[in-house]
Amino acid sequence: MSKKGGDDHICPDCVPEEQPIAPIMLMAVGGMIAFFAFFLGLVGAIAVGGFLAPSAIAFVVAMLMIIAGYMMNKKHRIRKHEIMHMKLEKAKCSYCGTQNEPDARRCDSCGAPLKD
């Protein structure tokens, strides 16, 4: 099934169920950079003053990477929640309110056609 519309298009057939790896990797690499920037800052504060500026820049970049990864992960969780909500709404009969299977065409209780 082809993806219609833009990035905002959401349907159960178009969006994968598994957790995307990009946000996790972004946060992990950002965490490692923050770790090394912290110790580079310690060296700069204790021994050599020239390390403070690169350490601060690396720390800011690391925090931006962690925040970007967190926001990507949050967007995925929201999208997954919306898809689950759509599946539940699609399966609910508008006449009697019975919850049906997501792929059902007719209500199991009253036999009314379900919305597509």
PDB file of N, CA and C in Angstrom:
ATOM      1  N   MET A   1       0.848  -1.172   0.000  1.00  0.00           N
ATOM      2  CA  MET A   1       0.000   0.000   0.000  1.00  0.00           C
ATOM      3  C   MET A   1       0.896   1.237   0.000  1.00  0.00           C
ATOM      4  N   SER A   2       0.602   2.179  -0.837  1.00  0.00           N
ATOM      5  CA  SER A   2       1.446   3.367  -0.941  1.00  0.00           C
ATOM      6  C   SER A   2       1.073   4.393   0.114  1.00  0.00           C
ATOM      7  N   LYS A   3       2.017   5.200   0.439  1.00  0.00           N
ATOM      8  CA  LYS A   3       1.842   6.229   1.452  1.00  0.00           C
ATOM      9  C   LYS A   3       1.276   7.482   0.790  1.00  0.00           C
ATOM     10  N   LYS A   4       0.117   7.915   1.212  1.00  0.00           N
ATOM     11  CA  LYS A   4      -0.505   9.110   0.648  1.00  0.00           C
ATOM     12  C   LYS A   4      -0.276  10.283   1.569  1.00  0.00           C
ATOM     13  N   GLY A   5      -0.254  11.476   1.015  1.00  0.00           N
ATOM     14  CA  GLY A   5      -0.096  12.668   1.834  1.00  0.00           C
ATOM     15  C   GLY A   5       1.352  12.876   2.224  1.00  0.00           C
ATOM     16  N   GLY A   6       1.547  13.588   3.295  1.00  0.00           N
ATOM     17  CA  GLY A   6       2.893  13.907   3.744  1.00  0.00           C
ATOM     18  C   GLY A   6       3.328  13.042   4.895  1.00  0.00           C
ATOM     19  N   ASP A   7       4.106  13.631   5.752  1.00  0.00           N
ATOM     20  CA  ASP A   7       4.615  12.946   6.933  1.00  0.00           C
ATOM     21  C   ASP A   7       3.517  12.677   7.950  1.00  0.00           C
ATOM     22  N   ASP A   8       2.402  13.410   7.866  1.00  0.00           N
ATOM     23  CA  ASP A   8       1.348  13.305   8.871  1.00  0.00           C
ATOM     24  C   ASP A   8       0.397  12.142   8.614  1.00  0.00           C
ATOM     25  N   HIS A   9       0.550  11.456   7.484  1.00  0.00           N
ATOM     26  CA  HIS A   9      -0.326  10.337   7.153  1.00  0.00           C
ATOM     27  C   HIS A   9      -0.075   9.186   8.117  1.00  0.00           C
ATOM     28  N   ILE A  10      -1.156   8.699   8.735  1.00  0.00           N
ATOM     29  CA  ILE A  10      -1.025   7.607   9.699  1.00  0.00           C
ATOM     30  C   ILE A  10      -2.057   6.541   9.356  1.00  0.00           C
ATOM     31  N   CYS A  11      -1.597   5.347   9.099  1.00  0.00           N
ATOM     32  CA  CYS A  11      -2.492   4.203   8.978  1.00  0.00           C
ATOM     33  C   CYS A  11      -1.721   2.972   9.442  1.00  0.00           C
ATOM     34  N   PRO A  12      -2.423   1.972   9.945  1.00  0.00           N
ATOM     35  CA  PRO A  12      -1.728   0.797  10.482  1.00  0.00           C
ATOM     36  C   PRO A  12      -0.884   0.061   9.452  1.00  0.00           C
ATOM     37  N   ASP A  13      -1.237   0.152   8.164  1.00  0.00           N
ATOM     38  CA  ASP A  13      -0.486  -0.552   7.139  1.00  0.00           C
ATOM     39  C   ASP A  13       0.796   0.172   6.755  1.00  0.00           C
ATOM     40  N   CYS A  14       0.864   1.502   6.975  1.00  0.00           N
ATOM     41  CA  CYS A  14       2.006   2.293   6.528  1.00  0.00           C
ATOM     42  C   CYS A  14       3.084   2.465   7.588  1.00  0.00           C
ATOM     43  N   VAL A  15       2.742   2.373   8.841  1.00  0.00           N
ATOM     44  CA  VAL A  15       3.684   2.652   9.919  1.00  0.00           C
ATOM     45  C   VAL A  15       4.141   1.337  10.546  1.00  0.00           C
ATOM     46  N   PRO A  16       5.440   1.093  10.615  1.00  0.00           N
ATOM     47  CA  PRO A  16       5.920  -0.146  11.229  1.00  0.00           C
ATOM     48  C   PRO A  16       5.677  -0.151  12.740  1.00  0.00           C
ATOM     49  N   GLU A  17       5.525  -1.337  13.284  1.00  0.00           N
ATOM     50  CA  GLU A  17       5.249  -1.486  14.712  1.00  0.00           C
ATOM     51  C   GLU A  17       6.514  -1.456  15.565  1.00  0.00           C
ATOM     52  N   GLU A  18       7.665  -1.830  14.995  1.00  0.00           N
ATOM     53  CA  GLU A  18       8.870  -1.932  15.804  1.00  0.00           C
ATOM     54  C   GLU A  18       9.437  -0.562  16.151  1.00  0.00           C
ATOM     55  N   GLN A  19      10.239  -0.543  17.189  1.00  0.00           N
ATOM     56  CA  GLN A  19      10.881   0.686  17.666  1.00  0.00           C
ATOM     57  C   GLN A  19      11.974   1.094  16.693  1.00  0.00           C
ATOM     58  N   PRO A  20      11.979   2.337  16.207  1.00  0.00           N
ATOM     59  CA  PRO A  20      13.059   2.759  15.310  1.00  0.00           C
ATOM     60  C   PRO A  20      14.390   2.860  16.058  1.00  0.00           C
ATOM     61  N   ILE A  21      15.461   2.541  15.360  1.00  0.00           N
ATOM     62  CA  ILE A  21      16.777   2.502  15.986  1.00  0.00           C
ATOM     63  C   ILE A  21      17.446   3.879  16.014  1.00  0.00           C
ATOM     64  N   ALA A  22      17.067   4.773  15.099  1.00  0.00           N
ATOM     65  CA  ALA A  22      17.737   6.074  14.978  1.00  0.00           C
ATOM     66  C   ALA A  22      17.691   6.901  16.273  1.00  0.00           C
ATOM     67  N   PRO A  23      16.529   7.044  16.934  1.00  0.00           N
ATOM     68  CA  PRO A  23      16.539   7.840  18.173  1.00  0.00           C
ATOM     69  C   PRO A  23      17.392   7.224  19.272  1.00  0.00           C
ATOM     70  N   ILE A  24      17.398   5.921  19.358  1.00  0.00           N
ATOM     71  CA  ILE A  24      18.180   5.248  20.388  1.00  0.00           C
ATOM     72  C   ILE A  24      19.669   5.466  20.138  1.00  0.00           C
ATOM     73  N   MET A  25      20.083   5.325  18.872  1.00  0.00           N
ATOM     74  CA  MET A  25      21.491   5.531  18.533  1.00  0.00           C
ATOM     75  C   MET A  25      21.895   6.991  18.731  1.00  0.00           C
ATOM     76  N   LEU A  26      21.018   7.913  18.379  1.00  0.00           N
ATOM     77  CA  LEU A  26      21.306   9.330  18.548  1.00  0.00           C
ATOM     78  C   LEU A  26      21.521   9.670  20.025  1.00  0.00           C
ATOM     79  N   MET A  27      20.653   9.145  20.882  1.00  0.00           N
ATOM     80  CA  MET A  27      20.802   9.394  22.313  1.00  0.00           C
ATOM     81  C   MET A  27      22.050   8.705  22.870  1.00  0.00           C
ATOM     82  N   ALA A  28      22.366   7.510  22.378  1.00  0.00           N
ATOM     83  CA  ALA A  28      23.543   6.793  22.868  1.00  0.00           C
ATOM     84  C   ALA A  28      24.837   7.515  22.479  1.00  0.00           C
ATOM     85  N   VAL A  29      24.927   7.934  21.221  1.00  0.00           N
ATOM     86  CA  VAL A  29      26.129   8.645  20.781  1.00  0.00           C
ATOM     87  C   VAL A  29      26.231   9.992  21.494  1.00  0.00           C
ATOM     88  N   GLY A  30      25.096  10.662  21.662  1.00  0.00           N
ATOM     89  CA  GLY A  30      25.098  11.920  22.398  1.00  0.00           C
ATOM     90  C   GLY A  30      25.546  11.732  23.839  1.00  0.00           C
ATOM     91  N   GLY A  31      25.131  10.648  24.451  1.00  0.00           N
ATOM     92  CA  GLY A  31      25.559  10.351  25.820  1.00  0.00           C
ATOM     93  C   GLY A  31      27.054  10.089  25.914  1.00  0.00           C
ATOM     94  N   MET A  32      27.583   9.372  24.919  1.00  0.00           N
ATOM     95  CA  MET A  32      29.029   9.118  24.927  1.00  0.00           C
ATOM     96  C   MET A  32      29.822  10.405  24.729  1.00  0.00           C
ATOM     97  N   ILE A  33      29.345  11.252  23.829  1.00  0.00           N
ATOM     98  CA  ILE A  33      30.027  12.532  23.614  1.00  0.00           C
ATOM     99  C   ILE A  33      29.964  13.382  24.880  1.00  0.00           C
ATOM    100  N   ALA A  34      28.806  13.385  25.557  1.00  0.00           N
ATOM    101  CA  ALA A  34      28.669  14.149  26.800  1.00  0.00           C
ATOM    102  C   ALA A  34      29.623  13.609  27.866  1.00  0.00           C
ATOM    103  N   PHE A  35      29.755  12.294  27.942  1.00  0.00           N
ATOM    104  CA  PHE A  35      30.666  11.666  28.896  1.00  0.00           C
ATOM    105  C   PHE A  35      32.094  12.132  28.659  1.00  0.00           C
ATOM    106  N   PHE A  36      32.550  12.049  27.401  1.00  0.00           N
ATOM    107  CA  PHE A  36      33.918  12.460  27.092  1.00  0.00           C
ATOM    108  C   PHE A  36      34.102  13.964  27.228  1.00  0.00           C
ATOM    109  N   ALA A  37      33.072  14.746  26.909  1.00  0.00           N
ATOM    110  CA  ALA A  37      33.167  16.202  27.064  1.00  0.00           C
ATOM    111  C   ALA A  37      33.294  16.575  28.534  1.00  0.00           C
ATOM    112  N   PHE A  38      32.618  15.843  29.404  1.00  0.00           N
ATOM    113  CA  PHE A  38      32.722  16.111  30.840  1.00  0.00           C
ATOM    114  C   PHE A  38      34.155  15.907  31.334  1.00  0.00           C
ATOM    115  N   PHE A  39      34.750  14.776  30.940  1.00  0.00           N
ATOM    116  CA  PHE A  39      36.117  14.513  31.393  1.00  0.00           C
ATOM    117  C   PHE A  39      37.131  15.414  30.707  1.00  0.00           C
ATOM    118  N   LEU A  40      36.874  15.801  29.463  1.00  0.00           N
ATOM    119  CA  LEU A  40      37.723  16.780  28.805  1.00  0.00           C
ATOM    120  C   LEU A  40      37.630  18.118  29.533  1.00  0.00           C
ATOM    121  N   GLY A  41      36.439  18.459  30.010  1.00  0.00           N
ATOM    122  CA  GLY A  41      36.259  19.672  30.808  1.00  0.00           C
ATOM    123  C   GLY A  41      36.986  19.598  32.134  1.00  0.00           C
ATOM    124  N   LEU A  42      36.998  18.418  32.759  1.00  0.00           N
ATOM    125  CA  LEU A  42      37.753  18.248  34.004  1.00  0.00           C
ATOM    126  C   LEU A  42      39.239  18.466  33.779  1.00  0.00           C
ATOM    127  N   VAL A  43      39.743  17.912  32.688  1.00  0.00           N
ATOM    128  CA  VAL A  43      41.156  18.109  32.362  1.00  0.00           C
ATOM    129  C   VAL A  43      41.418  19.591  32.118  1.00  0.00           C
ATOM    130  N   GLY A  44      40.499  20.232  31.412  1.00  0.00           N
ATOM    131  CA  GLY A  44      40.661  21.655  31.142  1.00  0.00           C
ATOM    132  C   GLY A  44      40.602  22.495  32.397  1.00  0.00           C
ATOM    133  N   ALA A  45      39.750  22.119  33.338  1.00  0.00           N
ATOM    134  CA  ALA A  45      39.622  22.886  34.573  1.00  0.00           C
ATOM    135  C   ALA A  45      40.811  22.656  35.511  1.00  0.00           C
ATOM    136  N   ILE A  46      41.332  21.451  35.528  1.00  0.00           N
ATOM    137  CA  ILE A  46      42.403  21.126  36.456  1.00  0.00           C
ATOM    138  C   ILE A  46      43.783  21.476  35.892  1.00  0.00           C
ATOM    139  N   ALA A  47      44.049  21.061  34.664  1.00  0.00           N
ATOM    140  CA  ALA A  47      45.419  21.161  34.160  1.00  0.00           C
ATOM    141  C   ALA A  47      45.600  22.192  33.048  1.00  0.00           C
ATOM    142  N   VAL A  48      44.952  21.980  31.932  1.00  0.00           N
ATOM    143  CA  VAL A  48      45.205  22.797  30.746  1.00  0.00           C
ATOM    144  C   VAL A  48      43.945  23.574  30.406  1.00  0.00           C
ATOM    145  N   GLY A  49      44.046  24.890  30.426  1.00  0.00           N
ATOM    146  CA  GLY A  49      42.880  25.729  30.194  1.00  0.00           C
ATOM    147  C   GLY A  49      42.366  25.724  28.769  1.00  0.00           C
ATOM    148  N   GLY A  50      43.133  25.264  27.795  1.00  0.00           N
ATOM    149  CA  GLY A  50      42.719  25.267  26.400  1.00  0.00           C
ATOM    150  C   GLY A  50      41.656  24.242  26.060  1.00  0.00           C
ATOM    151  N   PHE A  51      41.396  23.329  26.978  1.00  0.00           N
ATOM    152  CA  PHE A  51      40.404  22.290  26.713  1.00  0.00           C
ATOM    153  C   PHE A  51      38.990  22.699  27.087  1.00  0.00           C
ATOM    154  N   LEU A  52      38.814  23.823  27.736  1.00  0.00           N
ATOM    155  CA  LEU A  52      37.484  24.215  28.198  1.00  0.00           C
ATOM    156  C   LEU A  52      36.532  24.552  27.045  1.00  0.00           C
ATOM    157  N   ALA A  53      36.997  25.311  26.048  1.00  0.00           N
ATOM    158  CA  ALA A  53      36.124  25.691  24.932  1.00  0.00           C
ATOM    159  C   ALA A  53      35.692  24.476  24.110  1.00  0.00           C
ATOM    160  N   PRO A  54      36.602  23.576  23.686  1.00  0.00           N
ATOM    161  CA  PRO A  54      36.149  22.382  22.950  1.00  0.00           C
ATOM    162  C   PRO A  54      35.236  21.495  23.790  1.00  0.00           C
ATOM    163  N   SER A  55      35.510  21.440  25.081  1.00  0.00           N
ATOM    164  CA  SER A  55      34.671  20.641  25.964  1.00  0.00           C
ATOM    165  C   SER A  55      33.253  21.203  26.025  1.00  0.00           C
ATOM    166  N   ALA A  56      33.134  22.518  26.142  1.00  0.00           N
ATOM    167  CA  ALA A  56      31.805  23.143  26.192  1.00  0.00           C
ATOM    168  C   ALA A  56      31.056  22.939  24.887  1.00  0.00           C
ATOM    169  N   ILE A  57      31.752  23.072  23.760  1.00  0.00           N
ATOM    170  CA  ILE A  57      31.115  22.870  22.455  1.00  0.00           C
ATOM    171  C   ILE A  57      30.658  21.427  22.296  1.00  0.00           C
ATOM    172  N   ALA A  58      31.504  20.482  22.672  1.00  0.00           N
ATOM    173  CA  ALA A  58      31.148  19.063  22.575  1.00  0.00           C
ATOM    174  C   ALA A  58      29.971  18.742  23.476  1.00  0.00           C
ATOM    175  N   PHE A  59      29.931  19.348  24.657  1.00  0.00           N
ATOM    176  CA  PHE A  59      28.823  19.098  25.577  1.00  0.00           C
ATOM    177  C   PHE A  59      27.505  19.635  25.016  1.00  0.00           C
ATOM    178  N   VAL A  60      27.529  20.811  24.416  1.00  0.00           N
ATOM    179  CA  VAL A  60      26.323  21.389  23.815  1.00  0.00           C
ATOM    180  C   VAL A  60      25.834  20.520  22.655  1.00  0.00           C
ATOM    181  N   VAL A  61      26.760  20.074  21.814  1.00  0.00           N
ATOM    182  CA  VAL A  61      26.394  19.196  20.701  1.00  0.00           C
ATOM    183  C   VAL A  61      25.790  17.895  21.226  1.00  0.00           C
ATOM    184  N   ALA A  62      26.375  17.347  22.266  1.00  0.00           N
ATOM    185  CA  ALA A  62      25.869  16.106  22.856  1.00  0.00           C
ATOM    186  C   ALA A  62      24.459  16.299  23.410  1.00  0.00           C
ATOM    187  N   MET A  63      24.235  17.404  24.089  1.00  0.00           N
ATOM    188  CA  MET A  63      22.895  17.656  24.634  1.00  0.00           C
ATOM    189  C   MET A  63      21.869  17.832  23.507  1.00  0.00           C
ATOM    190  N   LEU A  64      22.260  18.495  22.430  1.00  0.00           N
ATOM    191  CA  LEU A  64      21.358  18.639  21.286  1.00  0.00           C
ATOM    192  C   LEU A  64      21.027  17.288  20.662  1.00  0.00           C
ATOM    193  N   MET A  65      22.019  16.410  20.594  1.00  0.00           N
ATOM    194  CA  MET A  65      21.774  15.070  20.057  1.00  0.00           C
ATOM    195  C   MET A  65      20.836  14.275  20.960  1.00  0.00           C
ATOM    196  N   ILE A  66      21.031  14.375  22.254  1.00  0.00           N
ATOM    197  CA  ILE A  66      20.170  13.654  23.192  1.00  0.00           C
ATOM    198  C   ILE A  66      18.741  14.186  23.123  1.00  0.00           C
ATOM    199  N   ILE A  67      18.588  15.485  23.065  1.00  0.00           N
ATOM    200  CA  ILE A  67      17.248  16.085  22.979  1.00  0.00           C
ATOM    201  C   ILE A  67      16.569  15.699  21.670  1.00  0.00           C
ATOM    202  N   ALA A  68      17.313  15.724  20.558  1.00  0.00           N
ATOM    203  CA  ALA A  68      16.739  15.340  19.268  1.00  0.00           C
ATOM    204  C   ALA A  68      16.302  13.877  19.280  1.00  0.00           C
ATOM    205  N   GLY A  69      17.111  13.002  19.845  1.00  0.00           N
ATOM    206  CA  GLY A  69      16.736  11.594  19.952  1.00  0.00           C
ATOM    207  C   GLY A  69      15.509  11.391  20.816  1.00  0.00           C
ATOM    208  N   TYR A  70      15.447  12.125  21.922  1.00  0.00           N
ATOM    209  CA  TYR A  70      14.282  12.028  22.806  1.00  0.00           C
ATOM    210  C   TYR A  70      13.013  12.489  22.087  1.00  0.00           C
ATOM    211  N   MET A  71      13.113  13.589  21.342  1.00  0.00           N
ATOM    212  CA  MET A  71      11.937  14.099  20.630  1.00  0.00           C
ATOM    213  C   MET A  71      11.494  13.135  19.527  1.00  0.00           C
ATOM    214  N   MET A  72      12.453  12.516  18.838  1.00  0.00           N
ATOM    215  CA  MET A  72      12.101  11.527  17.815  1.00  0.00           C
ATOM    216  C   MET A  72      11.416  10.323  18.445  1.00  0.00           C
ATOM    217  N   ASN A  73      11.913   9.880  19.587  1.00  0.00           N
ATOM    218  CA  ASN A  73      11.316   8.746  20.287  1.00  0.00           C
ATOM    219  C   ASN A  73       9.915   9.089  20.782  1.00  0.00           C
ATOM    220  N   LYS A  74       9.754  10.307  21.285  1.00  0.00           N
ATOM    221  CA  LYS A  74       8.448  10.746  21.766  1.00  0.00           C
ATOM    222  C   LYS A  74       7.442  10.802  20.613  1.00  0.00           C
ATOM    223  N   LYS A  75       7.877  11.301  19.451  1.00  0.00           N
ATOM    224  CA  LYS A  75       7.002  11.369  18.287  1.00  0.00           C
ATOM    225  C   LYS A  75       6.572   9.971  17.863  1.00  0.00           C
ATOM    226  N   HIS A  76       7.498   9.011  17.916  1.00  0.00           N
ATOM    227  CA  HIS A  76       7.156   7.633  17.569  1.00  0.00           C
ATOM    228  C   HIS A  76       6.136   7.053  18.549  1.00  0.00           C
ATOM    229  N   ARG A  77       6.327   7.314  19.832  1.00  0.00           N
ATOM    230  CA  ARG A  77       5.377   6.794  20.823  1.00  0.00           C
ATOM    231  C   ARG A  77       3.992   7.396  20.632  1.00  0.00           C
ATOM    232  N   ILE A  78       3.926   8.693  20.327  1.00  0.00           N
ATOM    233  CA  ILE A  78       2.635   9.348  20.093  1.00  0.00           C
ATOM    234  C   ILE A  78       1.968   8.755  18.862  1.00  0.00           C
ATOM    235  N   ARG A  79       2.750   8.574  17.797  1.00  0.00           N
ATOM    236  CA  ARG A  79       2.198   7.996  16.566  1.00  0.00           C
ATOM    237  C   ARG A  79       1.697   6.579  16.808  1.00  0.00           C
ATOM    238  N   LYS A  80       2.444   5.787  17.579  1.00  0.00           N
ATOM    239  CA  LYS A  80       2.027   4.417  17.887  1.00  0.00           C
ATOM    240  C   LYS A  80       0.739   4.420  18.697  1.00  0.00           C
ATOM    241  N   HIS A  81       0.619   5.354  19.638  1.00  0.00           N
ATOM    242  CA  HIS A  81      -0.595   5.469  20.429  1.00  0.00           C
ATOM    243  C   HIS A  81      -1.787   5.857  19.547  1.00  0.00           C
ATOM    244  N   GLU A  82      -1.568   6.779  18.607  1.00  0.00           N
ATOM    245  CA  GLU A  82      -2.643   7.188  17.695  1.00  0.00           C
ATOM    246  C   GLU A  82      -3.098   6.028  16.825  1.00  0.00           C
ATOM    247  N   ILE A  83      -2.156   5.207  16.380  1.00  0.00           N
ATOM    248  CA  ILE A  83      -2.513   4.053  15.557  1.00  0.00           C
ATOM    249  C   ILE A  83      -3.338   3.056  16.362  1.00  0.00           C
ATOM    250  N   MET A  84      -2.930   2.813  17.593  1.00  0.00           N
ATOM    251  CA  MET A  84      -3.716   1.897  18.445  1.00  0.00           C
ATOM    252  C   MET A  84      -5.109   2.439  18.680  1.00  0.00           C
ATOM    253  N   HIS A  85      -5.216   3.749  18.870  1.00  0.00           N
ATOM    254  CA  HIS A  85      -6.516   4.378  19.070  1.00  0.00           C
ATOM    255  C   HIS A  85      -7.365   4.249  17.808  1.00  0.00           C
ATOM    256  N   MET A  86      -6.737   4.426  16.629  1.00  0.00           N
ATOM    257  CA  MET A  86      -7.466   4.283  15.369  1.00  0.00           C
ATOM    258  C   MET A  86      -7.964   2.855  15.191  1.00  0.00           C
ATOM    259  N   LYS A  87      -7.154   1.878  15.571  1.00  0.00           N
ATOM    260  CA  LYS A  87      -7.570   0.480  15.449  1.00  0.00           C
ATOM    261  C   LYS A  87      -8.776   0.197  16.330  1.00  0.00           C
ATOM    262  N   LEU A  88      -8.770   0.757  17.545  1.00  0.00           N
ATOM    263  CA  LEU A  88      -9.893   0.535  18.448  1.00  0.00           C
ATOM    264  C   LEU A  88     -11.154   1.239  17.953  1.00  0.00           C
ATOM    265  N   GLU A  89     -10.997   2.466  17.453  1.00  0.00           N
ATOM    266  CA  GLU A  89     -12.161   3.190  16.942  1.00  0.00           C
ATOM    267  C   GLU A  89     -12.735   2.507  15.718  1.00  0.00           C
ATOM    268  N   LYS A  90     -11.903   2.013  14.851  1.00  0.00           N
ATOM    269  CA  LYS A  90     -12.352   1.373  13.633  1.00  0.00           C
ATOM    270  C   LYS A  90     -13.147   0.110  13.942  1.00  0.00           C
ATOM    271  N   ALA A  91     -12.804  -0.563  14.998  1.00  0.00           N
ATOM    272  CA  ALA A  91     -13.452  -1.814  15.340  1.00  0.00           C
ATOM    273  C   ALA A  91     -14.720  -1.617  16.165  1.00  0.00           C
ATOM    274  N   LYS A  92     -15.003  -0.399  16.608  1.00  0.00           N
ATOM    275  CA  LYS A  92     -16.176  -0.150  17.446  1.00  0.00           C
ATOM    276  C   LYS A  92     -17.392   0.095  16.567  1.00  0.00           C
ATOM    277  N   CYS A  93     -18.477  -0.615  16.852  1.00  0.00           N
ATOM    278  CA  CYS A  93     -19.722  -0.463  16.098  1.00  0.00           C
ATOM    279  C   CYS A  93     -20.373   0.865  16.460  1.00  0.00           C
ATOM    280  N   SER A  94     -20.770   1.637  15.439  1.00  0.00           N
ATOM    281  CA  SER A  94     -21.392   2.943  15.696  1.00  0.00           C
ATOM    282  C   SER A  94     -22.850   2.808  16.124  1.00  0.00           C
ATOM    283  N   TYR A  95     -23.462   1.629  15.929  1.00  0.00           N
ATOM    284  CA  TYR A  95     -24.868   1.433  16.319  1.00  0.00           C
ATOM    285  C   TYR A  95     -25.014   0.909  17.745  1.00  0.00           C
ATOM    286  N   CYS A  96     -24.289  -0.157  18.071  1.00  0.00           N
ATOM    287  CA  CYS A  96     -24.463  -0.766  19.395  1.00  0.00           C
ATOM    288  C   CYS A  96     -23.253  -0.565  20.313  1.00  0.00           C
ATOM    289  N   GLY A  97     -22.099  -0.122  19.772  1.00  0.00           N
ATOM    290  CA  GLY A  97     -20.930   0.148  20.589  1.00  0.00           C
ATOM    291  C   GLY A  97     -20.073  -1.061  20.895  1.00  0.00           C
ATOM    292  N   THR A  98     -20.361  -2.196  20.293  1.00  0.00           N
ATOM    293  CA  THR A  98     -19.594  -3.414  20.533  1.00  0.00           C
ATOM    294  C   THR A  98     -18.211  -3.308  19.903  1.00  0.00           C
ATOM    295  N   GLN A  99     -17.184  -3.764  20.628  1.00  0.00           N
ATOM    296  CA  GLN A  99     -15.836  -3.813  20.084  1.00  0.00           C
ATOM    297  C   GLN A  99     -15.708  -5.075  19.230  1.00  0.00           C
ATOM    298  N   ASN A 100     -15.264  -4.894  17.982  1.00  0.00           N
ATOM    299  CA  ASN A 100     -15.089  -6.002  17.055  1.00  0.00           C
ATOM    300  C   ASN A 100     -13.618  -6.135  16.696  1.00  0.00           C
ATOM    301  N   GLU A 101     -13.293  -7.170  15.961  1.00  0.00           N
ATOM    302  CA  GLU A 101     -11.940  -7.354  15.465  1.00  0.00           C
ATOM    303  C   GLU A 101     -11.600  -6.198  14.518  1.00  0.00           C
ATOM    304  N   PRO A 102     -10.336  -5.752  14.484  1.00  0.00           N
ATOM    305  CA  PRO A 102      -9.961  -4.615  13.621  1.00  0.00           C
ATOM    306  C   PRO A 102     -10.239  -4.826  12.138  1.00  0.00           C
ATOM    307  N   ASP A 103     -10.202  -6.098  11.664  1.00  0.00           N
ATOM    308  CA  ASP A 103     -10.426  -6.345  10.242  1.00  0.00           C
ATOM    309  C   ASP A 103     -11.864  -6.771   9.929  1.00  0.00           C
ATOM    310  N   ALA A 104     -12.774  -6.689  10.904  1.00  0.00           N
ATOM    311  CA  ALA A 104     -14.166  -7.098  10.689  1.00  0.00           C
ATOM    312  C   ALA A 104     -14.893  -6.094   9.801  1.00  0.00           C
ATOM    313  N   ARG A 105     -15.757  -6.612   8.934  1.00  0.00           N
ATOM    314  CA  ARG A 105     -16.567  -5.761   8.050  1.00  0.00           C
ATOM    315  C   ARG A 105     -17.945  -5.493   8.647  1.00  0.00           C
ATOM    316  N   ARG A 106     -18.442  -6.436   9.421  1.00  0.00           N
ATOM    317  CA  ARG A 106     -19.760  -6.300  10.051  1.00  0.00           C
ATOM    318  C   ARG A 106     -19.634  -6.531  11.553  1.00  0.00           C
ATOM    319  N   CYS A 107     -20.534  -5.928  12.306  1.00  0.00           N
ATOM    320  CA  CYS A 107     -20.544  -6.061  13.772  1.00  0.00           C
ATOM    321  C   CYS A 107     -20.897  -7.488  14.166  1.00  0.00           C
ATOM    322  N   ASP A 108     -20.167  -8.030  15.119  1.00  0.00           N
ATOM    323  CA  ASP A 108     -20.441  -9.384  15.612  1.00  0.00           C
ATOM    324  C   ASP A 108     -21.745  -9.449  16.391  1.00  0.00           C
ATOM    325  N   SER A 109     -22.172  -8.349  16.974  1.00  0.00           N
ATOM    326  CA  SER A 109     -23.357  -8.340  17.819  1.00  0.00           C
ATOM    327  C   SER A 109     -24.632  -8.056  17.027  1.00  0.00           C
ATOM    328  N   CYS A 110     -24.649  -6.947  16.271  1.00  0.00           N
ATOM    329  CA  CYS A 110     -25.887  -6.528  15.596  1.00  0.00           C
ATOM    330  C   CYS A 110     -25.846  -6.731  14.085  1.00  0.00           C
ATOM    331  N   GLY A 111     -24.692  -6.990  13.502  1.00  0.00           N
ATOM    332  CA  GLY A 111     -24.595  -7.240  12.066  1.00  0.00           C
ATOM    333  C   GLY A 111     -24.501  -5.984  11.204  1.00  0.00           C
ATOM    334  N   ALA A 112     -24.436  -4.828  11.825  1.00  0.00           N
ATOM    335  CA  ALA A 112     -24.360  -3.570  11.062  1.00  0.00           C
ATOM    336  C   ALA A 112     -22.988  -3.453  10.405  1.00  0.00           C
ATOM    337  N   PRO A 113     -22.938  -2.810   9.230  1.00  0.00           N
ATOM    338  CA  PRO A 113     -21.625  -2.623   8.597  1.00  0.00           C
ATOM    339  C   PRO A 113     -20.759  -1.652   9.396  1.00  0.00           C
ATOM    340  N   LEU A 114     -19.476  -1.980   9.498  1.00  0.00           N
ATOM    341  CA  LEU A 114     -18.539  -1.125  10.234  1.00  0.00           C
ATOM    342  C   LEU A 114     -17.935  -0.121   9.271  1.00  0.00           C
ATOM    343  N   LYS A 115     -17.556   1.052   9.804  1.00  0.00           N
ATOM    344  CA  LYS A 115     -16.932   2.104   8.996  1.00  0.00           C
ATOM    345  C   LYS A 115     -15.554   1.661   8.553  1.00  0.00           C
ATOM    346  N   ASP A 116     -15.135   2.101   7.355  1.00  0.00           N
ATOM    347  CA  ASP A 116     -13.790   1.806   6.851  1.00  0.00           C
ATOM    348  C   ASP A 116     -12.823   2.851   7.230  1.00  0.00           C
TER     349      ASP A 116
END
